[in-house]
C-alpha atoms as a PDB file:
ATOM      1  CA  ALA A   1      30.350  29.963   5.609  1.00  0.00           C
ATOM      2  CA  GLU A   2      30.508  33.540   4.274  1.00  0.00           C
ATOM      3  CA  ILE A   3      29.598  34.985   7.680  1.00  0.00           C
ATOM      4  CA  MET A   4      32.237  32.833   9.362  1.00  0.00           C
ATOM      5  CA  LEU A   5      34.918  33.955   6.908  1.00  0.00           C
ATOM      6  CA  GLN A   6      34.014  37.599   7.521  1.00  0.00           C
ATOM      7  CA  SER A   7      34.450  37.193  11.268  1.00  0.00           C
ATOM      8  CA  GLU A   8      37.829  37.621  12.904  1.00  0.00           C
ATOM      9  CA  THR A   9      37.927  34.074  14.246  1.00  0.00           C
ATOM     10  CA  PHE A  10      36.254  30.870  13.166  1.00  0.00           C
ATOM     11  CA  GLU A  11      36.540  27.133  13.679  1.00  0.00           C
ATOM     12  CA  SER A  12      38.259  25.550  10.692  1.00  0.00           C
ATOM     13  CA  LYS A  13      36.631  22.189  11.468  1.00  0.00           C
ATOM     14  CA  GLU A  14      33.122  23.676  11.375  1.00  0.00           C
ATOM     15  CA  LEU A  15      33.919  25.565   8.170  1.00  0.00           C
ATOM     16  CA  SER A  16      35.203  22.348   6.632  1.00  0.00           C
ATOM     17  CA  GLU A  17      31.934  20.584   7.527  1.00  0.00           C
ATOM     18  CA  ILE A  18      29.936  23.414   5.942  1.00  0.00           C
ATOM     19  CA  MET A  19      31.949  23.145   2.738  1.00  0.00           C
ATOM     20  CA  ARG A  20      31.415  19.374   2.637  1.00  0.00           C
ATOM     21  CA  ASP A  21      27.667  19.957   2.994  1.00  0.00           C
ATOM     22  CA  ILE A  22      27.763  22.455   0.120  1.00  0.00           C
ATOM     23  CA  VAL A  23      29.599  19.971  -2.082  1.00  0.00           C
ATOM     24  CA  ALA A  24      27.156  17.197  -1.160  1.00  0.00           C
ATOM     25  CA  ASP A  25      24.149  19.438  -1.909  1.00  0.00           C
ATOM     26  CA  THR A  26      25.637  20.449  -5.249  1.00  0.00           C
ATOM     27  CA  LYS A  27      26.353  16.860  -6.261  1.00  0.00           C
ATOM     28  CA  ARG A  28      22.838  15.794  -5.302  1.00  0.00           C
ATOM     29  CA  ALA A  29      21.325  18.716  -7.256  1.00  0.00           C
ATOM     30  CA  GLY A  30      23.351  17.662 -10.304  1.00  0.00           C
ATOM     31  CA  ALA A  31      22.214  14.061  -9.908  1.00  0.00           C
ATOM     32  CA  VAL A  32      18.564  15.138  -9.640  1.00  0.00           C
ATOM     33  CA  ILE A  33      18.855  17.260 -12.801  1.00  0.00           C
ATOM     34  CA  ARG A  34      20.524  14.442 -14.735  1.00  0.00           C
ATOM     35  CA  ASN A  35      17.872  12.017 -13.545  1.00  0.00           C
ATOM     36  CA  LEU A  36      15.029  14.345 -14.551  1.00  0.00           C
ATOM     37  CA  ARG A  37      16.586  14.738 -18.011  1.00  0.00           C
ATOM     38  CA  GLU A  38      16.597  10.955 -18.336  1.00  0.00           C
ATOM     39  CA  LEU A  39      12.945  10.814 -17.294  1.00  0.00           C
ATOM     40  CA  TYR A  40      11.883  13.473 -19.794  1.00  0.00           C
ATOM     41  CA  LYS A  41      13.896  11.778 -22.537  1.00  0.00           C
ATOM     42  CA  ASP A  42      11.986   8.584 -21.708  1.00  0.00           C
ATOM     43  CA  GLN A  43      15.249   6.774 -21.033  1.00  0.00           C
ATOM     44  CA  LYS A  44      15.363   3.896 -18.618  1.00  0.00           C
ATOM     45  CA  ALA A  45      16.789   4.916 -15.233  1.00  0.00           C
ATOM     46  CA  VAL A  46      19.711   2.925 -13.834  1.00  0.00           C
ATOM     47  CA  PHE A  47      18.590   0.573 -11.047  1.00  0.00           C
ATOM     48  CA  ASN A  48      20.948  -0.748  -8.383  1.00  0.00           C
ATOM     49  CA  ASP A  49      20.698  -2.638  -5.094  1.00  0.00           C
ATOM     50  CA  ILE A  50      19.879   0.028  -2.493  1.00  0.00           C
ATOM     51  CA  ASN A  51      19.003   0.224   1.174  1.00  0.00           C
ATOM     52  CA  ILE A  52      16.115   2.471   2.236  1.00  0.00           C
ATOM     53  CA  ASN A  53      17.673   3.280   5.631  1.00  0.00           C
ATOM     54  CA  SER A  54      20.895   4.478   4.021  1.00  0.00           C
ATOM     55  CA  ILE A  55      18.939   6.742   1.674  1.00  0.00           C
ATOM     56  CA  ILE A  56      17.026   8.209   4.621  1.00  0.00           C
ATOM     57  CA  GLU A  57      20.161   8.981   6.624  1.00  0.00           C
ATOM     58  CA  GLU A  58      21.925  10.512   3.630  1.00  0.00           C
ATOM     59  CA  THR A  59      18.961  12.650   2.609  1.00  0.00           C
ATOM     60  CA  LEU A  60      18.269  13.883   6.153  1.00  0.00           C
ATOM     61  CA  ILE A  61      21.697  15.520   6.142  1.00  0.00           C
ATOM     62  CA  LEU A  62      20.529  17.601   3.188  1.00  0.00           C
ATOM     63  CA  LEU A  63      17.231  18.416   4.929  1.00  0.00           C
ATOM     64  CA  ARG A  64      18.858  19.369   8.223  1.00  0.00           C
ATOM     65  CA  SER A  65      18.684  23.140   7.725  1.00  0.00           C
ATOM     66  CA  GLU A  66      15.011  22.998   6.701  1.00  0.00           C
ATOM     67  CA  LEU A  67      14.123  20.919   9.761  1.00  0.00           C
ATOM     68  CA  LEU A  68      15.918  23.391  12.013  1.00  0.00           C
ATOM     69  CA  LYS A  69      14.326  26.406  10.334  1.00  0.00           C
ATOM     70  CA  GLN A  70      10.849  24.933  10.727  1.00  0.00           C
ATOM     71  CA  ASN A  71      11.537  23.758  14.309  1.00  0.00           C
ATOM     72  CA  VAL A  72      10.684  20.164  13.489  1.00  0.00           C
ATOM     73  CA  LYS A  73      11.371  17.421  16.020  1.00  0.00           C
ATOM     74  CA  LEU A  74      12.455  14.301  14.161  1.00  0.00           C
ATOM     75  CA  LYS A  75      11.916  10.739  15.338  1.00  0.00           C
ATOM     76  CA  LYS A  76      13.319   7.745  13.458  1.00  0.00           C
ATOM     77  CA  ILE A  77      12.167   4.152  13.852  1.00  0.00           C
ATOM     78  CA  LEU A  78      14.360   2.340  11.344  1.00  0.00           C
ATOM     79  CA  ALA A  79      14.275  -1.447  11.210  1.00  0.00           C
ATOM     80  CA  VAL A  80      17.610  -3.264  11.457  1.00  0.00           C
ATOM     81  CA  ASP A  81      18.833  -5.801   8.904  1.00  0.00           C
ATOM     82  CA  MET A  82      16.807  -4.115   6.184  1.00  0.00           C
ATOM     83  CA  PRO A  83      16.443  -6.118   2.973  1.00  0.00           C
ATOM     84  CA  LEU A  84      17.666  -4.445  -0.203  1.00  0.00           C
ATOM     85  CA  ILE A  85      15.407  -3.209  -2.944  1.00  0.00           C
ATOM     86  CA  ARG A  86      16.212  -2.815  -6.606  1.00  0.00           C
ATOM     87  CA  GLY A  87      15.851   0.821  -7.531  1.00  0.00           C
ATOM     88  CA  ASN A  88      17.160   4.187  -8.591  1.00  0.00           C
ATOM     89  CA  LYS A  89      18.694   5.996  -5.630  1.00  0.00           C
ATOM     90  CA  VAL A  90      18.031   9.548  -6.848  1.00  0.00           C
ATOM     91  CA  GLN A  91      14.395   8.792  -7.650  1.00  0.00           C
ATOM     92  CA  ILE A  92      13.778   7.299  -4.205  1.00  0.00           C
ATOM     93  CA  GLN A  93      15.469  10.355  -2.682  1.00  0.00           C
ATOM     94  CA  GLN A  94      13.103  12.585  -4.658  1.00  0.00           C
ATOM     95  CA  VAL A  95      10.097  10.734  -3.269  1.00  0.00           C
ATOM     96  CA  PHE A  96      11.429  10.881   0.295  1.00  0.00           C
ATOM     97  CA  VAL A  97      12.156  14.619   0.055  1.00  0.00           C
ATOM     98  CA  ASN A  98       8.661  15.248  -1.317  1.00  0.00           C
ATOM     99  CA  LEU A  99       7.022  13.326   1.522  1.00  0.00           C
ATOM    100  CA  MET A 100       9.136  15.150   4.104  1.00  0.00           C
ATOM    101  CA  MET A 101       8.371  18.587   2.659  1.00  0.00           C
ATOM    102  CA  ASN A 102       4.656  17.768   2.485  1.00  0.00           C
ATOM    103  CA  ALA A 103       4.697  16.777   6.160  1.00  0.00           C
ATOM    104  CA  ILE A 104       6.544  19.970   7.119  1.00  0.00           C
ATOM    105  CA  GLU A 105       4.138  22.143   5.122  1.00  0.00           C
ATOM    106  CA  ALA A 106       1.107  20.377   6.621  1.00  0.00           C
ATOM    107  CA  MET A 107       2.172  21.548  10.088  1.00  0.00           C
ATOM    108  CA  SER A 108       3.506  24.995   9.141  1.00  0.00           C
ATOM    109  CA  ASN A 109       0.272  26.926   9.719  1.00  0.00           C
ATOM    110  CA  MET A 110      -0.737  25.175  12.919  1.00  0.00           C
ATOM    111  CA  ASN A 111      -0.536  26.850  16.295  1.00  0.00           C
ATOM    112  CA  ILE A 112       1.797  24.300  17.894  1.00  0.00           C
ATOM    113  CA  LYS A 113       4.997  24.850  19.849  1.00  0.00           C
ATOM    114  CA  GLN A 114       6.960  22.271  17.887  1.00  0.00           C
ATOM    115  CA  SER A 115       6.205  20.253  14.791  1.00  0.00           C
ATOM    116  CA  GLU A 116       7.011  16.554  14.862  1.00  0.00           C
ATOM    117  CA  ILE A 117       7.735  14.008  12.135  1.00  0.00           C
ATOM    118  CA  THR A 118       8.226  10.281  12.629  1.00  0.00           C
ATOM    119  CA  ILE A 119      10.006   8.258   9.945  1.00  0.00           C
ATOM    120  CA  THR A 120       9.435   4.500  10.123  1.00  0.00           C
ATOM    121  CA  THR A 121      10.854   1.674   8.037  1.00  0.00           C
ATOM    122  CA  GLY A 122      10.161  -2.046   8.123  1.00  0.00           C
ATOM    123  CA  TYR A 123       9.580  -5.073   5.952  1.00  0.00           C
ATOM    124  CA  LYS A 124       7.073  -7.897   5.723  1.00  0.00           C
ATOM    125  CA  GLU A 125       5.457 -10.125   3.124  1.00  0.00           C
ATOM    126  CA  GLY A 126       8.299  -9.541   0.686  1.00  0.00           C
ATOM    127  CA  LYS A 127       8.066  -5.750   0.762  1.00  0.00           C
ATOM    128  CA  VAL A 128      10.010  -2.880   2.302  1.00  0.00           C
ATOM    129  CA  ASP A 129       7.832  -0.182   3.845  1.00  0.00           C
ATOM    130  CA  LEU A 130       8.653   3.468   4.521  1.00  0.00           C
ATOM    131  CA  HIS A 131       6.128   5.891   5.958  1.00  0.00           C
ATOM    132  CA  ILE A 132       6.170   9.392   7.406  1.00  0.00           C
ATOM    133  CA  ASP A 133       3.803  10.535  10.166  1.00  0.00           C
ATOM    134  CA  ASP A 134       3.103  14.183  10.991  1.00  0.00           C
ATOM    135  CA  ILE A 135       0.947  15.873  13.640  1.00  0.00           C
ATOM    136  CA  GLY A 136      -0.796  18.164  11.189  1.00  0.00           C
ATOM    137  CA  PRO A 137      -4.527  18.559  10.450  1.00  0.00           C
ATOM    138  CA  GLY A 138      -4.709  15.358   8.421  1.00  0.00           C
ATOM    139  CA  ILE A 139      -6.068  14.851   4.906  1.00  0.00           C
ATOM    140  CA  ASP A 140      -9.651  15.614   3.919  1.00  0.00           C
ATOM    141  CA  GLU A 141     -11.533  12.330   3.867  1.00  0.00           C
ATOM    142  CA  ASP A 142     -13.162  13.187   0.542  1.00  0.00           C
ATOM    143  CA  LYS A 143      -9.730  13.715  -1.053  1.00  0.00           C
ATOM    144  CA  ILE A 144      -7.597  11.039   0.575  1.00  0.00           C
ATOM    145  CA  ASP A 145      -8.373   8.417  -2.086  1.00  0.00           C
ATOM    146  CA  SER A 146      -7.257  10.682  -4.939  1.00  0.00           C
ATOM    147  CA  ILE A 147      -4.188  12.535  -3.649  1.00  0.00           C
ATOM    148  CA  PHE A 148      -1.825  10.518  -5.870  1.00  0.00           C
ATOM    149  CA  LEU A 149      -3.655  11.504  -9.055  1.00  0.00           C
ATOM    150  CA  PRO A 150      -2.233  14.301 -11.259  1.00  0.00           C
ATOM    151  CA  LEU A 151      -3.465  17.793 -10.295  1.00  0.00           C
ATOM    152  CA  ALA A 152      -5.016  16.516  -7.074  1.00  0.00           C
ATOM    153  CA  THR A 153      -3.956  18.532  -4.026  1.00  0.00           C
ATOM    154  CA  TRP A 154      -5.218  19.221  -0.527  1.00  0.00           C
ATOM    155  CA  LYS A 155      -2.720  22.052   0.166  1.00  0.00           C
ATOM    156  CA  SER A 156      -3.386  25.728  -0.475  1.00  0.00           C
ATOM    157  CA  GLY A 157      -1.217  26.798  -3.407  1.00  0.00           C
ATOM    158  CA  GLY A 158      -0.203  23.227  -4.228  1.00  0.00           C
ATOM    159  CA  THR A 159       0.213  22.154  -7.845  1.00  0.00           C
ATOM    160  CA  GLY A 160      -0.972  18.608  -7.304  1.00  0.00           C
ATOM    161  CA  MET A 161       2.024  17.186  -9.174  1.00  0.00           C
ATOM    162  CA  GLY A 162       4.418  16.254  -6.361  1.00  0.00           C
ATOM    163  CA  LEU A 163       2.620  13.151  -5.132  1.00  0.00           C
ATOM    164  CA  ALA A 164       1.588  12.173  -8.650  1.00  0.00           C
ATOM    165  CA  ILE A 165       5.233  12.160  -9.756  1.00  0.00           C
ATOM    166  CA  SER A 166       6.238  10.315  -6.589  1.00  0.00           C
ATOM    167  CA  ASN A 167       3.513   7.747  -7.241  1.00  0.00           C
ATOM    168  CA  SER A 168       4.783   7.215 -10.795  1.00  0.00           C
ATOM    169  CA  ILE A 169       8.320   6.679  -9.478  1.00  0.00           C
ATOM    170  CA  ILE A 170       7.203   4.136  -6.880  1.00  0.00           C
ATOM    171  CA  GLU A 171       5.059   2.297  -9.428  1.00  0.00           C
ATOM    172  CA  SER A 172       8.083   2.095 -11.750  1.00  0.00           C
ATOM    173  CA  HIS A 173       9.838   0.292  -8.868  1.00  0.00           C
ATOM    174  CA  GLY A 174       7.008  -2.241  -8.658  1.00  0.00           C
ATOM    175  CA  GLY A 175       5.641  -0.648  -5.500  1.00  0.00           C
ATOM    176  CA  MET A 176       2.667   1.386  -4.350  1.00  0.00           C
ATOM    177  CA  MET A 177       1.997   4.499  -2.284  1.00  0.00           C
ATOM    178  CA  TYR A 178      -0.639   4.888   0.413  1.00  0.00           C
ATOM    179  CA  ALA A 179      -2.063   7.536   2.716  1.00  0.00           C
ATOM    180  CA  GLU A 180      -4.207   7.455   5.839  1.00  0.00           C
ATOM    181  CA  ASN A 181      -5.231   9.693   8.700  1.00  0.00           C
ATOM    182  CA  LEU A 182      -3.958   8.708  12.118  1.00  0.00           C
ATOM    183  CA  SER A 183      -6.376   7.939  14.927  1.00  0.00           C
ATOM    184  CA  GLY A 184      -5.152  10.812  17.100  1.00  0.00           C
ATOM    185  CA  GLU A 185      -3.967  13.639  14.888  1.00  0.00           C
ATOM    186  CA  GLY A 186      -1.984  13.996  11.705  1.00  0.00           C
ATOM    187  CA  ALA A 187      -1.524  11.855   8.642  1.00  0.00           C
ATOM    188  CA  ARG A 188       0.651   8.982   7.436  1.00  0.00           C
ATOM    189  CA  VAL A 189       1.929   8.840   3.872  1.00  0.00           C
ATOM    190  CA  GLY A 190       4.311   6.152   2.651  1.00  0.00           C
ATOM    191  CA  PHE A 191       5.144   3.494   0.136  1.00  0.00           C
ATOM    192  CA  THR A 192       6.075  -0.157  -0.227  1.00  0.00           C
ATOM    193  CA  ILE A 193       8.573  -1.654  -2.679  1.00  0.00           C
ATOM    194  CA  PRO A 194       9.311  -5.368  -3.236  1.00  0.00           C
ATOM    195  CA  ILE A 195      12.549  -6.620  -1.687  1.00  0.00           C
ATOM    196  CA  ILE A 196      15.252  -8.589  -3.451  1.00  0.00           C
ATOM    197  CA  ALA A 197      16.866 -11.797  -2.206  1.00  0.00           C
ATOM    198  CA  LYS A 198      19.901 -10.340  -0.408  1.00  0.00           C
ATOM    199  CA  ILE A 199      19.849  -8.972   3.134  1.00  0.00           C
ATOM    200  CA  TYR A 200      21.870  -5.913   4.093  1.00  0.00           C
ATOM    201  CA  SER A 201      22.751  -5.353   7.742  1.00  0.00           C
ATOM    202  CA  TYR A 202      22.188  -1.666   8.534  1.00  0.00           C
ATOM    203  CA  GLU A 203      23.793  -0.049  11.566  1.00  0.00           C
END
Protein backbone atom coordinates (compact mmCIF):
# COMPACT_ATOMS: atom_id res chain seq x y z
CA ALA A 1 0.00 0.00 0.00
CA GLU A 2 2.87 2.37 0.85
CA ILE A 3 4.59 1.67 -2.48
CA MET A 4 1.34 2.27 -4.35
CA LEU A 5 0.77 5.59 -2.59
CA GLN A 6 4.30 6.71 -3.45
CA SER A 7 3.73 6.01 -7.14
CA GLU A 8 2.21 8.62 -9.41
CA THR A 9 -0.79 6.47 -10.32
CA PHE A 10 -2.51 3.61 -8.57
CA GLU A 11 -5.77 1.69 -8.68
CA SER A 12 -8.06 2.87 -5.89
CA LYS A 13 -9.93 -0.45 -5.94
CA GLU A 14 -6.74 -2.45 -5.38
CA LEU A 15 -5.63 -0.07 -2.63
CA SER A 16 -9.02 -0.45 -0.98
CA GLU A 17 -8.66 -4.25 -1.04
CA ILE A 18 -5.20 -3.98 0.53
CA MET A 19 -6.56 -1.79 3.32
CA ARG A 20 -9.39 -4.26 3.97
CA ASP A 21 -6.82 -7.05 4.24
CA ILE A 22 -4.81 -4.98 6.73
CA VAL A 23 -7.90 -4.36 8.84
CA ALA A 24 -8.84 -8.06 8.72
CA ASP A 25 -5.30 -9.10 9.74
CA THR A 26 -5.31 -6.61 12.60
CA LYS A 27 -8.69 -7.77 13.88
CA ARG A 28 -7.61 -11.40 13.73
CA ALA A 29 -4.34 -10.60 15.56
CA GLY A 30 -6.36 -8.87 18.29
CA ALA A 31 -8.71 -11.84 18.54
CA VAL A 32 -5.78 -14.26 18.82
CA ILE A 33 -4.20 -12.18 21.60
CA ARG A 34 -7.47 -11.94 23.52
CA ASN A 35 -8.00 -15.67 23.13
CA LEU A 36 -4.49 -16.48 24.36
CA ARG A 37 -5.04 -14.24 27.40
CA GLU A 38 -8.19 -16.22 28.17
CA LEU A 39 -6.26 -19.48 27.84
CA TYR A 40 -3.47 -18.34 30.16
CA LYS A 41 -6.01 -17.04 32.67
CA ASP A 42 -7.59 -20.50 32.59
CA GLN A 43 -10.92 -19.00 31.55
CA LYS A 44 -13.36 -21.01 29.52
CA ALA A 45 -13.29 -20.04 25.83
CA VAL A 46 -16.57 -19.07 24.16
CA PHE A 47 -17.89 -21.87 21.93
CA ASN A 48 -20.29 -21.27 19.06
CA ASP A 49 -21.70 -23.23 16.12
CA ILE A 50 -19.03 -23.01 13.42
CA ASN A 51 -18.36 -24.42 9.98
CA ILE A 52 -14.88 -25.76 9.21
CA ASN A 53 -15.06 -24.81 5.51
CA SER A 54 -15.87 -21.19 6.34
CA ILE A 55 -12.91 -21.03 8.72
CA ILE A 56 -10.62 -22.42 6.02
CA GLU A 57 -11.72 -19.91 3.40
CA GLU A 58 -11.44 -16.98 5.81
CA THR A 59 -8.02 -17.99 7.10
CA LEU A 60 -6.60 -18.66 3.62
CA ILE A 61 -7.15 -14.99 2.80
CA LEU A 62 -4.79 -14.15 5.65
CA LEU A 63 -2.26 -16.76 4.47
CA ARG A 64 -2.37 -15.65 0.84
CA SER A 65 0.86 -13.62 0.91
CA GLU A 66 2.79 -16.45 2.60
CA LEU A 67 1.57 -18.97 0.03
CA LEU A 68 2.63 -16.67 -2.80
CA LYS A 69 6.01 -15.94 -1.23
CA GLN A 70 6.73 -19.64 -0.79
CA ASN A 71 5.39 -20.51 -4.27
CA VAL A 72 2.88 -22.98 -2.89
CA LYS A 73 0.23 -24.48 -5.15
CA LEU A 74 -2.97 -24.90 -3.17
CA LYS A 75 -5.62 -27.53 -3.79
CA LYS A 76 -8.90 -27.62 -1.86
CA ILE A 77 -11.24 -30.59 -1.60
CA LEU A 78 -13.97 -29.26 0.66
CA ALA A 79 -17.07 -31.36 1.26
CA VAL A 80 -20.44 -29.71 0.62
CA ASP A 81 -23.23 -29.54 3.19
CA MET A 82 -20.71 -29.66 6.02
CA PRO A 83 -22.19 -30.34 9.45
CA LEU A 84 -21.49 -27.74 12.13
CA ILE A 85 -19.22 -28.29 15.07
CA ARG A 86 -19.35 -26.62 18.45
CA GLY A 87 -16.14 -24.73 18.98
CA ASN A 88 -14.08 -21.60 19.37
CA LYS A 89 -13.42 -20.02 15.98
CA VAL A 90 -10.11 -18.36 16.87
CA GLN A 91 -8.71 -21.53 18.41
CA ILE A 92 -9.59 -23.60 15.34
CA GLN A 93 -8.00 -20.91 13.18
CA GLN A 94 -4.83 -21.17 15.28
CA VAL A 95 -4.69 -24.91 14.70
CA PHE A 96 -5.29 -24.54 10.96
CA VAL A 97 -2.60 -21.86 10.61
CA ASN A 98 -0.13 -24.04 12.52
CA LEU A 99 -0.80 -27.04 10.28
CA MET A 100 -0.46 -24.91 7.16
CA MET A 101 2.82 -23.33 8.29
CA ASN A 102 4.21 -26.75 9.25
CA ALA A 103 3.38 -28.06 5.77
CA ILE A 104 5.00 -25.04 4.12
CA GLU A 105 8.14 -25.36 6.25
CA ALA A 106 8.37 -29.10 5.56
CA MET A 107 8.76 -28.37 1.84
CA SER A 108 10.87 -25.20 2.10
CA ASN A 109 14.28 -26.89 1.91
CA MET A 110 13.41 -29.37 -0.82
CA ASN A 111 14.70 -29.03 -4.35
CA ILE A 112 11.29 -28.89 -6.04
CA LYS A 113 9.96 -26.43 -8.60
CA GLN A 114 6.72 -25.81 -6.74
CA SER A 115 5.46 -26.84 -3.34
CA GLU A 116 1.94 -28.23 -3.12
CA ILE A 117 -0.59 -28.43 -0.28
CA THR A 118 -3.95 -30.17 -0.41
CA ILE A 119 -6.64 -29.24 2.12
CA THR A 120 -9.44 -31.79 2.50
CA THR A 121 -12.58 -31.73 4.61
CA GLY A 122 -15.28 -34.34 5.10
CA TYR A 123 -17.48 -35.98 7.69
CA LYS A 124 -18.42 -39.50 8.71
CA GLU A 125 -19.38 -41.45 11.81
CA GLY A 126 -20.49 -38.29 13.60
CA LYS A 127 -17.21 -36.43 13.11
CA VAL A 128 -15.91 -33.63 10.91
CA ASP A 129 -12.45 -34.26 9.48
CA LEU A 130 -9.88 -31.76 8.23
CA HIS A 131 -6.45 -32.80 7.01
CA ILE A 132 -3.57 -31.17 5.17
CA ASP A 133 -1.29 -33.07 2.78
CA ASP A 134 2.14 -31.83 1.67
CA ILE A 135 4.75 -33.23 -0.72
CA GLY A 136 7.62 -32.85 1.72
CA PRO A 137 10.02 -35.49 3.08
CA GLY A 138 7.46 -36.94 5.47
CA ILE A 139 7.78 -37.54 9.22
CA ASP A 140 10.41 -39.81 10.75
CA GLU A 141 8.74 -43.11 11.54
CA ASP A 142 10.35 -43.23 14.98
CA LYS A 143 8.86 -39.82 15.84
CA ILE A 144 5.46 -39.91 14.18
CA ASP A 145 3.71 -41.38 17.23
CA SER A 146 4.95 -38.61 19.54
CA ILE A 147 4.78 -35.41 17.49
CA PHE A 148 1.78 -34.10 19.46
CA LEU A 149 3.61 -34.35 22.79
CA PRO A 150 5.13 -31.19 24.34
CA LEU A 151 8.71 -30.49 23.21
CA ALA A 152 8.53 -33.15 20.51
CA THR A 153 9.63 -31.86 17.10
CA TRP A 154 10.92 -33.28 13.83
CA LYS A 155 11.87 -29.87 12.36
CA SER A 156 15.29 -28.26 12.67
CA GLY A 157 14.96 -25.28 15.00
CA GLY A 158 11.43 -26.22 16.04
CA THR A 159 10.29 -25.68 19.62
CA GLY A 160 8.01 -28.69 19.74
CA MET A 161 5.15 -26.63 21.18
CA GLY A 162 3.05 -25.82 18.10
CA LEU A 163 1.49 -29.24 17.61
CA ALA A 164 1.24 -29.83 21.35
CA ILE A 165 -0.81 -26.65 21.75
CA SER A 166 -2.89 -27.54 18.70
CA ASN A 167 -3.50 -31.00 20.15
CA SER A 168 -4.67 -29.48 23.44
CA ILE A 169 -7.08 -27.20 21.57
CA ILE A 170 -8.56 -30.06 19.54
CA GLU A 171 -8.90 -32.24 22.65
CA SER A 172 -10.76 -29.39 24.38
CA HIS A 173 -13.23 -29.59 21.46
CA GLY A 174 -13.75 -33.30 22.08
CA GLY A 175 -11.65 -34.23 19.06
CA MET A 176 -8.30 -35.78 18.24
CA MET A 177 -5.33 -35.08 15.98
CA TYR A 178 -3.53 -37.60 13.79
CA ALA A 179 -0.53 -37.81 11.49
CA GLU A 180 0.61 -40.28 8.85
CA ASN A 181 3.05 -40.51 5.98
CA LEU A 182 1.54 -40.77 2.52
CA SER A 183 2.26 -43.77 0.32
CA GLY A 184 3.97 -41.69 -2.37
CA GLU A 185 5.65 -38.70 -0.77
CA GLY A 186 4.82 -36.20 1.93
CA ALA A 187 2.78 -36.32 5.09
CA ARG A 188 -0.82 -35.87 6.21
CA VAL A 189 -1.67 -34.13 9.47
CA GLY A 190 -5.23 -33.40 10.54
CA PHE A 191 -7.91 -33.62 13.16
CA THR A 192 -11.46 -34.78 13.78
CA ILE A 193 -14.11 -33.03 15.89
CA PRO A 194 -17.61 -34.34 16.74
CA ILE A 195 -20.45 -32.74 14.78
CA ILE A 196 -23.60 -31.24 16.24
CA ALA A 197 -27.15 -31.96 15.11
CA LYS A 198 -27.63 -29.10 12.62
CA ILE A 199 -26.45 -29.18 9.01
CA TYR A 200 -25.04 -26.09 7.33
CA SER A 201 -25.05 -25.87 3.55
CA TYR A 202 -21.68 -24.49 2.44
CA GLU A 203 -21.22 -22.98 -1.01
